[in-house]
Amino acid sequence: MSAATTLVPSDPTGVTPVEYARRLRALMRERGRSLDSVARRSRDAGTPISRATVHNLVTGSGVPRRDSVVAFLRGCGVPAREQIPWLIAFGRVYPDPGFGGARRPTPVH
């Protein structure tokens, strides 16, 4: 790895929507997964998402649904216990207005 390579930690805490997407992408790379393999493995885990949804998650396109993030994490092979910080961070980055939170932020590209 060259000195010019920037590592993006896959720790999701304290991030913005754009950074959350970058860290999902870093997680996917850490786990050695591709867009197709995440989609396939999510289906095998019983929580199918499409390749397009995986792409949207790792590029920060639109506002993701929580169940899509769960499917993504399963597709990356993240054990349930290790999904907790990702889902807590998701709730902070994309608060649910139905529970008294602010409106979900629009991702900045």
PDB file of N, CA and C in Angstrom:
ATOM      1  N   MET A   1       0.850  -1.160   0.000  1.00  0.00           N
ATOM      2  CA  MET A   1       0.000   0.000   0.000  1.00  0.00           C
ATOM      3  C   MET A   1       0.899   1.227   0.000  1.00  0.00           C
ATOM      4  N   SER A   2       0.586   2.167  -0.841  1.00  0.00           N
ATOM      5  CA  SER A   2       1.417   3.361  -0.939  1.00  0.00           C
ATOM      6  C   SER A   2       1.022   4.372   0.132  1.00  0.00           C
ATOM      7  N   ALA A   3       1.925   5.315   0.385  1.00  0.00           N
ATOM      8  CA  ALA A   3       1.652   6.350   1.378  1.00  0.00           C
ATOM      9  C   ALA A   3       0.503   7.244   0.938  1.00  0.00           C
ATOM     10  N   ALA A   4       0.230   7.294  -0.373  1.00  0.00           N
ATOM     11  CA  ALA A   4      -0.833   8.147  -0.893  1.00  0.00           C
ATOM     12  C   ALA A   4      -2.218   7.523  -0.708  1.00  0.00           C
ATOM     13  N   THR A   5      -2.279   6.235  -0.376  1.00  0.00           N
ATOM     14  CA  THR A   5      -3.552   5.557  -0.192  1.00  0.00           C
ATOM     15  C   THR A   5      -4.184   6.004   1.122  1.00  0.00           C
ATOM     16  N   THR A   6      -5.438   6.405   1.055  1.00  0.00           N
ATOM     17  CA  THR A   6      -6.160   6.832   2.244  1.00  0.00           C
ATOM     18  C   THR A   6      -7.065   5.701   2.704  1.00  0.00           C
ATOM     19  N   LEU A   7      -6.907   5.309   3.951  1.00  0.00           N
ATOM     20  CA  LEU A   7      -7.757   4.275   4.510  1.00  0.00           C
ATOM     21  C   LEU A   7      -8.997   4.923   5.111  1.00  0.00           C
ATOM     22  N   VAL A   8     -10.134   4.344   4.830  1.00  0.00           N
ATOM     23  CA  VAL A   8     -11.393   4.807   5.406  1.00  0.00           C
ATOM     24  C   VAL A   8     -11.811   3.756   6.420  1.00  0.00           C
ATOM     25  N   PRO A   9     -11.873   4.136   7.689  1.00  0.00           N
ATOM     26  CA  PRO A   9     -12.261   3.142   8.688  1.00  0.00           C
ATOM     27  C   PRO A   9     -13.699   2.706   8.480  1.00  0.00           C
ATOM     28  N   SER A  10     -13.966   1.443   8.764  1.00  0.00           N
ATOM     29  CA  SER A  10     -15.331   0.957   8.600  1.00  0.00           C
ATOM     30  C   SER A  10     -16.168   1.178   9.850  1.00  0.00           C
ATOM     31  N   ASP A  11     -15.623   1.854  10.850  1.00  0.00           N
ATOM     32  CA  ASP A  11     -16.374   2.201  12.050  1.00  0.00           C
ATOM     33  C   ASP A  11     -17.400   3.278  11.692  1.00  0.00           C
ATOM     34  N   PRO A  12     -18.689   3.035  11.924  1.00  0.00           N
ATOM     35  CA  PRO A  12     -19.711   3.965  11.462  1.00  0.00           C
ATOM     36  C   PRO A  12     -20.064   5.108  12.410  1.00  0.00           C
ATOM     37  N   THR A  13     -19.461   5.167  13.580  1.00  0.00           N
ATOM     38  CA  THR A  13     -19.923   6.134  14.574  1.00  0.00           C
ATOM     39  C   THR A  13     -19.537   7.567  14.217  1.00  0.00           C
ATOM     40  N   GLY A  14     -20.446   8.491  14.527  1.00  0.00           N
ATOM     41  CA  GLY A  14     -20.198   9.916  14.380  1.00  0.00           C
ATOM     42  C   GLY A  14     -19.966  10.389  12.965  1.00  0.00           C
ATOM     43  N   VAL A  15     -20.794   9.953  12.032  1.00  0.00           N
ATOM     44  CA  VAL A  15     -20.570  10.292  10.630  1.00  0.00           C
ATOM     45  C   VAL A  15     -21.760  11.013  10.002  1.00  0.00           C
ATOM     46  N   THR A  16     -21.515  11.589   8.836  1.00  0.00           N
ATOM     47  CA  THR A  16     -22.539  12.234   8.011  1.00  0.00           C
ATOM     48  C   THR A  16     -23.088  11.201   7.028  1.00  0.00           C
ATOM     49  N   PRO A  17     -24.155  11.518   6.298  1.00  0.00           N
ATOM     50  CA  PRO A  17     -24.665  10.567   5.302  1.00  0.00           C
ATOM     51  C   PRO A  17     -23.611  10.158   4.270  1.00  0.00           C
ATOM     52  N   VAL A  18     -22.833  11.108   3.780  1.00  0.00           N
ATOM     53  CA  VAL A  18     -21.810  10.789   2.778  1.00  0.00           C
ATOM     54  C   VAL A  18     -20.744   9.887   3.387  1.00  0.00           C
ATOM     55  N   GLU A  19     -20.334  10.207   4.601  1.00  0.00           N
ATOM     56  CA  GLU A  19     -19.314   9.402   5.272  1.00  0.00           C
ATOM     57  C   GLU A  19     -19.852   8.017   5.626  1.00  0.00           C
ATOM     58  N   TYR A  20     -21.117   7.918   5.983  1.00  0.00           N
ATOM     59  CA  TYR A  20     -21.721   6.608   6.274  1.00  0.00           C
ATOM     60  C   TYR A  20     -21.613   5.711   5.044  1.00  0.00           C
ATOM     61  N   ALA A  21     -21.926   6.261   3.874  1.00  0.00           N
ATOM     62  CA  ALA A  21     -21.819   5.497   2.626  1.00  0.00           C
ATOM     63  C   ALA A  21     -20.371   5.080   2.370  1.00  0.00           C
ATOM     64  N   ARG A  22     -19.432   5.985   2.604  1.00  0.00           N
ATOM     65  CA  ARG A  22     -18.014   5.660   2.404  1.00  0.00           C
ATOM     66  C   ARG A  22     -17.582   4.526   3.320  1.00  0.00           C
ATOM     67  N   ARG A  23     -18.101   4.528   4.531  1.00  0.00           N
ATOM     68  CA  ARG A  23     -17.719   3.480   5.476  1.00  0.00           C
ATOM     69  C   ARG A  23     -18.398   2.151   5.161  1.00  0.00           C
ATOM     70  N   LEU A  24     -19.597   2.199   4.606  1.00  0.00           N
ATOM     71  CA  LEU A  24     -20.211   0.953   4.116  1.00  0.00           C
ATOM     72  C   LEU A  24     -19.355   0.374   2.994  1.00  0.00           C
ATOM     73  N   ARG A  25     -18.886   1.239   2.094  1.00  0.00           N
ATOM     74  CA  ARG A  25     -18.019   0.801   0.998  1.00  0.00           C
ATOM     75  C   ARG A  25     -16.724   0.203   1.550  1.00  0.00           C
ATOM     76  N   ALA A  26     -16.150   0.841   2.585  1.00  0.00           N
ATOM     77  CA  ALA A  26     -14.930   0.323   3.207  1.00  0.00           C
ATOM     78  C   ALA A  26     -15.180  -1.043   3.836  1.00  0.00           C
ATOM     79  N   LEU A  27     -16.331  -1.200   4.477  1.00  0.00           N
ATOM     80  CA  LEU A  27     -16.691  -2.487   5.070  1.00  0.00           C
ATOM     81  C   LEU A  27     -16.776  -3.561   3.988  1.00  0.00           C
ATOM     82  N   MET A  28     -17.422  -3.225   2.882  1.00  0.00           N
ATOM     83  CA  MET A  28     -17.562  -4.176   1.781  1.00  0.00           C
ATOM     84  C   MET A  28     -16.177  -4.616   1.285  1.00  0.00           C
ATOM     85  N   ARG A  29     -15.273  -3.666   1.155  1.00  0.00           N
ATOM     86  CA  ARG A  29     -13.905  -3.989   0.702  1.00  0.00           C
ATOM     87  C   ARG A  29     -13.173  -4.829   1.738  1.00  0.00           C
ATOM     88  N   GLU A  30     -13.289  -4.466   3.018  1.00  0.00           N
ATOM     89  CA  GLU A  30     -12.647  -5.234   4.091  1.00  0.00           C
ATOM     90  C   GLU A  30     -13.095  -6.688   4.074  1.00  0.00           C
ATOM     91  N   ARG A  31     -14.359  -6.891   3.779  1.00  0.00           N
ATOM     92  CA  ARG A  31     -14.924  -8.241   3.773  1.00  0.00           C
ATOM     93  C   ARG A  31     -14.687  -8.966   2.447  1.00  0.00           C
ATOM     94  N   GLY A  32     -14.028  -8.278   1.501  1.00  0.00           N
ATOM     95  CA  GLY A  32     -13.723  -8.907   0.215  1.00  0.00           C
ATOM     96  C   GLY A  32     -14.950  -9.163  -0.641  1.00  0.00           C
ATOM     97  N   ARG A  33     -15.924  -8.294  -0.541  1.00  0.00           N
ATOM     98  CA  ARG A  33     -17.183  -8.466  -1.276  1.00  0.00           C
ATOM     99  C   ARG A  33     -17.271  -7.503  -2.448  1.00  0.00           C
ATOM    100  N   SER A  34     -18.026  -7.917  -3.450  1.00  0.00           N
ATOM    101  CA  SER A  34     -18.358  -7.068  -4.595  1.00  0.00           C
ATOM    102  C   SER A  34     -19.835  -6.703  -4.493  1.00  0.00           C
ATOM    103  N   LEU A  35     -20.275  -5.805  -5.350  1.00  0.00           N
ATOM    104  CA  LEU A  35     -21.700  -5.453  -5.372  1.00  0.00           C
ATOM    105  C   LEU A  35     -22.551  -6.700  -5.580  1.00  0.00           C
ATOM    106  N   ASP A  36     -22.145  -7.516  -6.560  1.00  0.00           N
ATOM    107  CA  ASP A  36     -22.908  -8.734  -6.865  1.00  0.00           C
ATOM    108  C   ASP A  36     -22.906  -9.724  -5.706  1.00  0.00           C
ATOM    109  N   SER A  37     -21.739  -9.908  -5.061  1.00  0.00           N
ATOM    110  CA  SER A  37     -21.684 -10.902  -3.984  1.00  0.00           C
ATOM    111  C   SER A  37     -22.496 -10.446  -2.772  1.00  0.00           C
ATOM    112  N   VAL A  38     -22.519  -9.146  -2.485  1.00  0.00           N
ATOM    113  CA  VAL A  38     -23.347  -8.658  -1.375  1.00  0.00           C
ATOM    114  C   VAL A  38     -24.820  -8.910  -1.684  1.00  0.00           C
ATOM    115  N   ALA A  39     -25.238  -8.610  -2.908  1.00  0.00           N
ATOM    116  CA  ALA A  39     -26.632  -8.850  -3.289  1.00  0.00           C
ATOM    117  C   ALA A  39     -26.974 -10.336  -3.196  1.00  0.00           C
ATOM    118  N   ARG A  40     -26.084 -11.188  -3.691  1.00  0.00           N
ATOM    119  CA  ARG A  40     -26.323 -12.638  -3.662  1.00  0.00           C
ATOM    120  C   ARG A  40     -26.366 -13.152  -2.222  1.00  0.00           C
ATOM    121  N   ARG A  41     -25.411 -12.733  -1.410  1.00  0.00           N
ATOM    122  CA  ARG A  41     -25.355 -13.215  -0.029  1.00  0.00           C
ATOM    123  C   ARG A  41     -26.523 -12.675   0.811  1.00  0.00           C
ATOM    124  N   SER A  42     -26.990 -11.473   0.489  1.00  0.00           N
ATOM    125  CA  SER A  42     -28.153 -10.954   1.216  1.00  0.00           C
ATOM    126  C   SER A  42     -29.383 -11.800   0.895  1.00  0.00           C
ATOM    127  N   ARG A  43     -29.490 -12.203  -0.360  1.00  0.00           N
ATOM    128  CA  ARG A  43     -30.603 -13.074  -0.752  1.00  0.00           C
ATOM    129  C   ARG A  43     -30.490 -14.414  -0.025  1.00  0.00           C
ATOM    130  N   ASP A  44     -29.272 -14.971   0.014  1.00  0.00           N
ATOM    131  CA  ASP A  44     -29.062 -16.253   0.688  1.00  0.00           C
ATOM    132  C   ASP A  44     -29.363 -16.162   2.184  1.00  0.00           C
ATOM    133  N   ALA A  45     -29.201 -14.962   2.769  1.00  0.00           N
ATOM    134  CA  ALA A  45     -29.473 -14.752   4.196  1.00  0.00           C
ATOM    135  C   ALA A  45     -30.955 -14.486   4.461  1.00  0.00           C
ATOM    136  N   GLY A  46     -31.763 -14.437   3.390  1.00  0.00           N
ATOM    137  CA  GLY A  46     -33.195 -14.230   3.550  1.00  0.00           C
ATOM    138  C   GLY A  46     -33.629 -12.780   3.576  1.00  0.00           C
ATOM    139  N   THR A  47     -32.704 -11.876   3.241  1.00  0.00           N
ATOM    140  CA  THR A  47     -33.021 -10.441   3.213  1.00  0.00           C
ATOM    141  C   THR A  47     -32.529  -9.863   1.890  1.00  0.00           C
ATOM    142  N   PRO A  48     -33.169 -10.225   0.786  1.00  0.00           N
ATOM    143  CA  PRO A  48     -32.643  -9.855  -0.527  1.00  0.00           C
ATOM    144  C   PRO A  48     -32.684  -8.350  -0.816  1.00  0.00           C
ATOM    145  N   ILE A  49     -31.579  -7.877  -1.385  1.00  0.00           N
ATOM    146  CA  ILE A  49     -31.525  -6.530  -1.961  1.00  0.00           C
ATOM    147  C   ILE A  49     -30.856  -6.661  -3.323  1.00  0.00           C
ATOM    148  N   SER A  50     -31.153  -5.734  -4.185  1.00  0.00           N
ATOM    149  CA  SER A  50     -30.599  -5.786  -5.534  1.00  0.00           C
ATOM    150  C   SER A  50     -29.189  -5.209  -5.573  1.00  0.00           C
ATOM    151  N   ARG A  51     -28.499  -5.501  -6.649  1.00  0.00           N
ATOM    152  CA  ARG A  51     -27.166  -4.931  -6.880  1.00  0.00           C
ATOM    153  C   ARG A  51     -27.266  -3.405  -6.923  1.00  0.00           C
ATOM    154  N   ALA A  52     -28.337  -2.886  -7.521  1.00  0.00           N
ATOM    155  CA  ALA A  52     -28.530  -1.432  -7.597  1.00  0.00           C
ATOM    156  C   ALA A  52     -28.668  -0.826  -6.202  1.00  0.00           C
ATOM    157  N   THR A  53     -29.366  -1.519  -5.308  1.00  0.00           N
ATOM    158  CA  THR A  53     -29.507  -1.024  -3.943  1.00  0.00           C
ATOM    159  C   THR A  53     -28.163  -1.032  -3.233  1.00  0.00           C
ATOM    160  N   VAL A  54     -27.374  -2.093  -3.431  1.00  0.00           N
ATOM    161  CA  VAL A  54     -26.027  -2.145  -2.849  1.00  0.00           C
ATOM    162  C   VAL A  54     -25.213  -0.952  -3.356  1.00  0.00           C
ATOM    163  N   HIS A  55     -25.279  -0.704  -4.661  1.00  0.00           N
ATOM    164  CA  HIS A  55     -24.562   0.431  -5.251  1.00  0.00           C
ATOM    165  C   HIS A  55     -25.016   1.743  -4.621  1.00  0.00           C
ATOM    166  N   ASN A  56     -26.326   1.930  -4.472  1.00  0.00           N
ATOM    167  CA  ASN A  56     -26.850   3.156  -3.869  1.00  0.00           C
ATOM    168  C   ASN A  56     -26.366   3.327  -2.429  1.00  0.00           C
ATOM    169  N   LEU A  57     -26.288   2.240  -1.691  1.00  0.00           N
ATOM    170  CA  LEU A  57     -25.824   2.312  -0.305  1.00  0.00           C
ATOM    171  C   LEU A  57     -24.374   2.762  -0.210  1.00  0.00           C
ATOM    172  N   VAL A  58     -23.514   2.218  -1.069  1.00  0.00           N
ATOM    173  CA  VAL A  58     -22.081   2.527  -0.963  1.00  0.00           C
ATOM    174  C   VAL A  58     -21.691   3.816  -1.669  1.00  0.00           C
ATOM    175  N   THR A  59     -22.615   4.397  -2.425  1.00  0.00           N
ATOM    176  CA  THR A  59     -22.323   5.675  -3.074  1.00  0.00           C
ATOM    177  C   THR A  59     -23.090   6.827  -2.435  1.00  0.00           C
ATOM    178  N   GLY A  60     -23.985   6.523  -1.509  1.00  0.00           N
ATOM    179  CA  GLY A  60     -24.751   7.566  -0.838  1.00  0.00           C
ATOM    180  C   GLY A  60     -25.842   8.157  -1.702  1.00  0.00           C
ATOM    181  N   SER A  61     -26.328   7.393  -2.664  1.00  0.00           N
ATOM    182  CA  SER A  61     -27.404   7.860  -3.547  1.00  0.00           C
ATOM    183  C   SER A  61     -28.742   7.706  -2.855  1.00  0.00           C
ATOM    184  N   GLY A  62     -29.386   8.808  -2.568  1.00  0.00           N
ATOM    185  CA  GLY A  62     -30.692   8.768  -1.933  1.00  0.00           C
ATOM    186  C   GLY A  62     -30.600   8.502  -0.444  1.00  0.00           C
ATOM    187  N   VAL A  63     -31.759   8.335   0.160  1.00  0.00           N
ATOM    188  CA  VAL A  63     -31.855   8.039   1.589  1.00  0.00           C
ATOM    189  C   VAL A  63     -32.180   6.556   1.729  1.00  0.00           C
ATOM    190  N   PRO A  64     -31.274   5.787   2.329  1.00  0.00           N
ATOM    191  CA  PRO A  64     -31.507   4.341   2.417  1.00  0.00           C
ATOM    192  C   PRO A  64     -32.572   3.981   3.436  1.00  0.00           C
ATOM    193  N   ARG A  65     -33.125   2.807   3.246  1.00  0.00           N
ATOM    194  CA  ARG A  65     -34.056   2.249   4.224  1.00  0.00           C
ATOM    195  C   ARG A  65     -33.257   1.399   5.205  1.00  0.00           C
ATOM    196  N   ARG A  66     -33.712   1.347   6.429  1.00  0.00           N
ATOM    197  CA  ARG A  66     -33.006   0.567   7.455  1.00  0.00           C
ATOM    198  C   ARG A  66     -32.910  -0.909   7.057  1.00  0.00           C
ATOM    199  N   ASP A  67     -33.988  -1.453   6.504  1.00  0.00           N
ATOM    200  CA  ASP A  67     -33.940  -2.873   6.136  1.00  0.00           C
ATOM    201  C   ASP A  67     -32.940  -3.130   5.016  1.00  0.00           C
ATOM    202  N   SER A  68     -32.684  -2.149   4.176  1.00  0.00           N
ATOM    203  CA  SER A  68     -31.658  -2.295   3.137  1.00  0.00           C
ATOM    204  C   SER A  68     -30.267  -2.344   3.757  1.00  0.00           C
ATOM    205  N   VAL A  69     -30.063  -1.549   4.805  1.00  0.00           N
ATOM    206  CA  VAL A  69     -28.766  -1.569   5.499  1.00  0.00           C
ATOM    207  C   VAL A  69     -28.574  -2.916   6.195  1.00  0.00           C
ATOM    208  N   VAL A  70     -29.622  -3.431   6.825  1.00  0.00           N
ATOM    209  CA  VAL A  70     -29.537  -4.745   7.468  1.00  0.00           C
ATOM    210  C   VAL A  70     -29.187  -5.805   6.425  1.00  0.00           C
ATOM    211  N   ALA A  71     -29.858  -5.777   5.289  1.00  0.00           N
ATOM    212  CA  ALA A  71     -29.577  -6.750   4.226  1.00  0.00           C
ATOM    213  C   ALA A  71     -28.145  -6.604   3.728  1.00  0.00           C
ATOM    214  N   PHE A  72     -27.670  -5.365   3.577  1.00  0.00           N
ATOM    215  CA  PHE A  72     -26.296  -5.116   3.154  1.00  0.00           C
ATOM    216  C   PHE A  72     -25.309  -5.720   4.158  1.00  0.00           C
ATOM    217  N   LEU A  73     -25.534  -5.448   5.437  1.00  0.00           N
ATOM    218  CA  LEU A  73     -24.636  -5.975   6.471  1.00  0.00           C
ATOM    219  C   LEU A  73     -24.623  -7.500   6.466  1.00  0.00           C
ATOM    220  N   ARG A  74     -25.785  -8.111   6.305  1.00  0.00           N
ATOM    221  CA  ARG A  74     -25.850  -9.576   6.216  1.00  0.00           C
ATOM    222  C   ARG A  74     -25.127 -10.065   4.972  1.00  0.00           C
ATOM    223  N   GLY A  75     -25.302  -9.337   3.869  1.00  0.00           N
ATOM    224  CA  GLY A  75     -24.627  -9.694   2.626  1.00  0.00           C
ATOM    225  C   GLY A  75     -23.118  -9.592   2.728  1.00  0.00           C
ATOM    226  N   CYS A  76     -22.643  -8.727   3.624  1.00  0.00           N
ATOM    227  CA  CYS A  76     -21.200  -8.598   3.875  1.00  0.00           C
ATOM    228  C   CYS A  76     -20.717  -9.620   4.897  1.00  0.00           C
ATOM    229  N   GLY A  77     -21.640 -10.396   5.455  1.00  0.00           N
ATOM    230  CA  GLY A  77     -21.260 -11.409   6.438  1.00  0.00           C
ATOM    231  C   GLY A  77     -21.017 -10.858   7.824  1.00  0.00           C
ATOM    232  N   VAL A  78     -21.619  -9.721   8.143  1.00  0.00           N
ATOM    233  CA  VAL A  78     -21.442  -9.106   9.461  1.00  0.00           C
ATOM    234  C   VAL A  78     -22.370  -9.813  10.453  1.00  0.00           C
ATOM    235  N   PRO A  79     -21.814 -10.384  11.507  1.00  0.00           N
ATOM    236  CA  PRO A  79     -22.653 -11.045  12.507  1.00  0.00           C
ATOM    237  C   PRO A  79     -23.616 -10.053  13.166  1.00  0.00           C
ATOM    238  N   ALA A  80     -24.727 -10.554  13.657  1.00  0.00           N
ATOM    239  CA  ALA A  80     -25.775  -9.707  14.240  1.00  0.00           C
ATOM    240  C   ALA A  80     -25.231  -8.762  15.299  1.00  0.00           C
ATOM    241  N   ARG A  81     -24.399  -9.251  16.182  1.00  0.00           N
ATOM    242  CA  ARG A  81     -23.864  -8.401  17.264  1.00  0.00           C
ATOM    243  C   ARG A  81     -23.050  -7.238  16.694  1.00  0.00           C
ATOM    244  N   GLU A  82     -22.323  -7.468  15.613  1.00  0.00           N
ATOM    245  CA  GLU A  82     -21.503  -6.415  15.007  1.00  0.00           C
ATOM    246  C   GLU A  82     -22.329  -5.449  14.152  1.00  0.00           C
ATOM    247  N   GLN A  83     -23.580  -5.796  13.886  1.00  0.00           N
ATOM    248  CA  GLN A  83     -24.467  -4.900  13.129  1.00  0.00           C
ATOM    249  C   GLN A  83     -24.982  -3.753  13.998  1.00  0.00           C
ATOM    250  N   ILE A  84     -24.992  -3.946  15.294  1.00  0.00           N
ATOM    251  CA  ILE A  84     -25.591  -2.966  16.210  1.00  0.00           C
ATOM    252  C   ILE A  84     -25.008  -1.567  16.032  1.00  0.00           C
ATOM    253  N   PRO A  85     -23.661  -1.387  16.043  1.00  0.00           N
ATOM    254  CA  PRO A  85     -23.150  -0.015  15.879  1.00  0.00           C
ATOM    255  C   PRO A  85     -23.529   0.606  14.537  1.00  0.00           C
ATOM    256  N   TRP A  86     -23.629  -0.230  13.496  1.00  0.00           N
ATOM    257  CA  TRP A  86     -24.020   0.274  12.180  1.00  0.00           C
ATOM    258  C   TRP A  86     -25.459   0.778  12.203  1.00  0.00           C
ATOM    259  N   LEU A  87     -26.333   0.060  12.889  1.00  0.00           N
ATOM    260  CA  LEU A  87     -27.738   0.447  12.930  1.00  0.00           C
ATOM    261  C   LEU A  87     -27.972   1.636  13.866  1.00  0.00           C
ATOM    262  N   ILE A  88     -27.200   1.720  14.934  1.00  0.00           N
ATOM    263  CA  ILE A  88     -27.279   2.902  15.805  1.00  0.00           C
ATOM    264  C   ILE A  88     -26.827   4.132  15.017  1.00  0.00           C
ATOM    265  N   ALA A  89     -25.715   4.000  14.299  1.00  0.00           N
ATOM    266  CA  ALA A  89     -25.220   5.122  13.481  1.00  0.00           C
ATOM    267  C   ALA A  89     -26.233   5.484  12.404  1.00  0.00           C
ATOM    268  N   PHE A  90     -26.871   4.485  11.809  1.00  0.00           N
ATOM    269  CA  PHE A  90     -27.899   4.748  10.798  1.00  0.00           C
ATOM    270  C   PHE A  90     -29.012   5.608  11.391  1.00  0.00           C
ATOM    271  N   GLY A  91     -29.462   5.254  12.594  1.00  0.00           N
ATOM    272  CA  GLY A  91     -30.518   6.011  13.253  1.00  0.00           C
ATOM    273  C   GLY A  91     -30.128   7.449  13.553  1.00  0.00           C
ATOM    274  N   ARG A  92     -28.846   7.673  13.794  1.00  0.00           N
ATOM    275  CA  ARG A  92     -28.367   9.041  14.049  1.00  0.00           C
ATOM    276  C   ARG A  92     -28.226   9.825  12.755  1.00  0.00           C
ATOM    277  N   VAL A  93     -27.753   9.161  11.719  1.00  0.00           N
ATOM    278  CA  VAL A  93     -27.548   9.835  10.431  1.00  0.00           C
ATOM    279  C   VAL A  93     -28.875  10.093   9.735  1.00  0.00           C
ATOM    280  N   TYR A  94     -29.790   9.138   9.850  1.00  0.00           N
ATOM    281  CA  TYR A  94     -31.099   9.231   9.198  1.00  0.00           C
ATOM    282  C   TYR A  94     -32.197   9.063  10.233  1.00  0.00           C
ATOM    283  N   PRO A  95     -32.415  10.066  11.101  1.00  0.00           N
ATOM    284  CA  PRO A  95     -33.451   9.922  12.137  1.00  0.00           C
ATOM    285  C   PRO A  95     -34.833   9.746  11.507  1.00  0.00           C
ATOM    286  N   ASP A  96     -35.631   8.916  12.133  1.00  0.00           N
ATOM    287  CA  ASP A  96     -36.979   8.646  11.644  1.00  0.00           C
ATOM    288  C   ASP A  96     -37.909   9.749  12.125  1.00  0.00           C
ATOM    289  N   PRO A  97     -38.463  10.551  11.186  1.00  0.00           N
ATOM    290  CA  PRO A  97     -39.345  11.643  11.609  1.00  0.00           C
ATOM    291  C   PRO A  97     -40.588  11.148  12.332  1.00  0.00           C
ATOM    292  N   GLY A  98     -40.955   9.882  12.157  1.00  0.00           N
ATOM    293  CA  GLY A  98     -42.126   9.330  12.830  1.00  0.00           C
ATOM    294  C   GLY A  98     -41.917   9.149  14.324  1.00  0.00           C
ATOM    295  N   PHE A  99     -40.666   9.232  14.776  1.00  0.00           N
ATOM    296  CA  PHE A  99     -40.363   9.067  16.192  1.00  0.00           C
ATOM    297  C   PHE A  99     -39.880  10.371  16.812  1.00  0.00           C
ATOM    298  N   GLY A 100     -40.327  11.493  16.264  1.00  0.00           N
ATOM    299  CA  GLY A 100     -39.976  12.783  16.835  1.00  0.00           C
ATOM    300  C   GLY A 100     -38.631  13.314  16.400  1.00  0.00           C
ATOM    301  N   GLY A 101     -37.976  12.616  15.490  1.00  0.00           N
ATOM    302  CA  GLY A 101     -36.674  13.073  15.010  1.00  0.00           C
ATOM    303  C   GLY A 101     -36.829  14.145  13.947  1.00  0.00           C
ATOM    304  N   ALA A 102     -35.728  14.702  13.569  1.00  0.00           N
ATOM    305  CA  ALA A 102     -35.721  15.708  12.504  1.00  0.00           C
ATOM    306  C   ALA A 102     -35.938  15.019  11.164  1.00  0.00           C
ATOM    307  N   ARG A 103     -36.206  15.823  10.143  1.00  0.00           N
ATOM    308  CA  ARG A 103     -36.344  15.257   8.810  1.00  0.00           C
ATOM    309  C   ARG A 103     -35.039  14.607   8.384  1.00  0.00           C
ATOM    310  N   ARG A 104     -35.141  13.555   7.622  1.00  0.00           N
ATOM    311  CA  ARG A 104     -33.941  12.892   7.137  1.00  0.00           C
ATOM    312  C   ARG A 104     -33.164  13.835   6.230  1.00  0.00           C
ATOM    313  N   PRO A 105     -31.858  13.899   6.411  1.00  0.00           N
ATOM    314  CA  PRO A 105     -31.050  14.799   5.591  1.00  0.00           C
ATOM    315  C   PRO A 105     -30.946  14.288   4.159  1.00  0.00           C
ATOM    316  N   THR A 106     -30.814  15.213   3.248  1.00  0.00           N
ATOM    317  CA  THR A 106     -30.577  14.873   1.852  1.00  0.00           C
ATOM    318  C   THR A 106     -29.089  14.710   1.664  1.00  0.00           C
ATOM    319  N   PRO A 107     -28.613  13.551   1.160  1.00  0.00           N
ATOM    320  CA  PRO A 107     -27.188  13.374   0.968  1.00  0.00           C
ATOM    321  C   PRO A 107     -26.618  14.417   0.020  1.00  0.00           C
ATOM    322  N   VAL A 108     -25.436  14.885   0.335  1.00  0.00           N
ATOM    323  CA  VAL A 108     -24.734  15.843  -0.513  1.00  0.00           C
ATOM    324  C   VAL A 108     -23.728  15.077  -1.348  1.00  0.00           C
ATOM    325  N   HIS A 109     -23.704  15.335  -2.642  1.00  0.00           N
ATOM    326  CA  HIS A 109     -22.787  14.606  -3.522  1.00  0.00           C
ATOM    327  C   HIS A 109     -21.628  15.464  -3.914  1.00  0.00           C
TER     328      HIS A 109
END
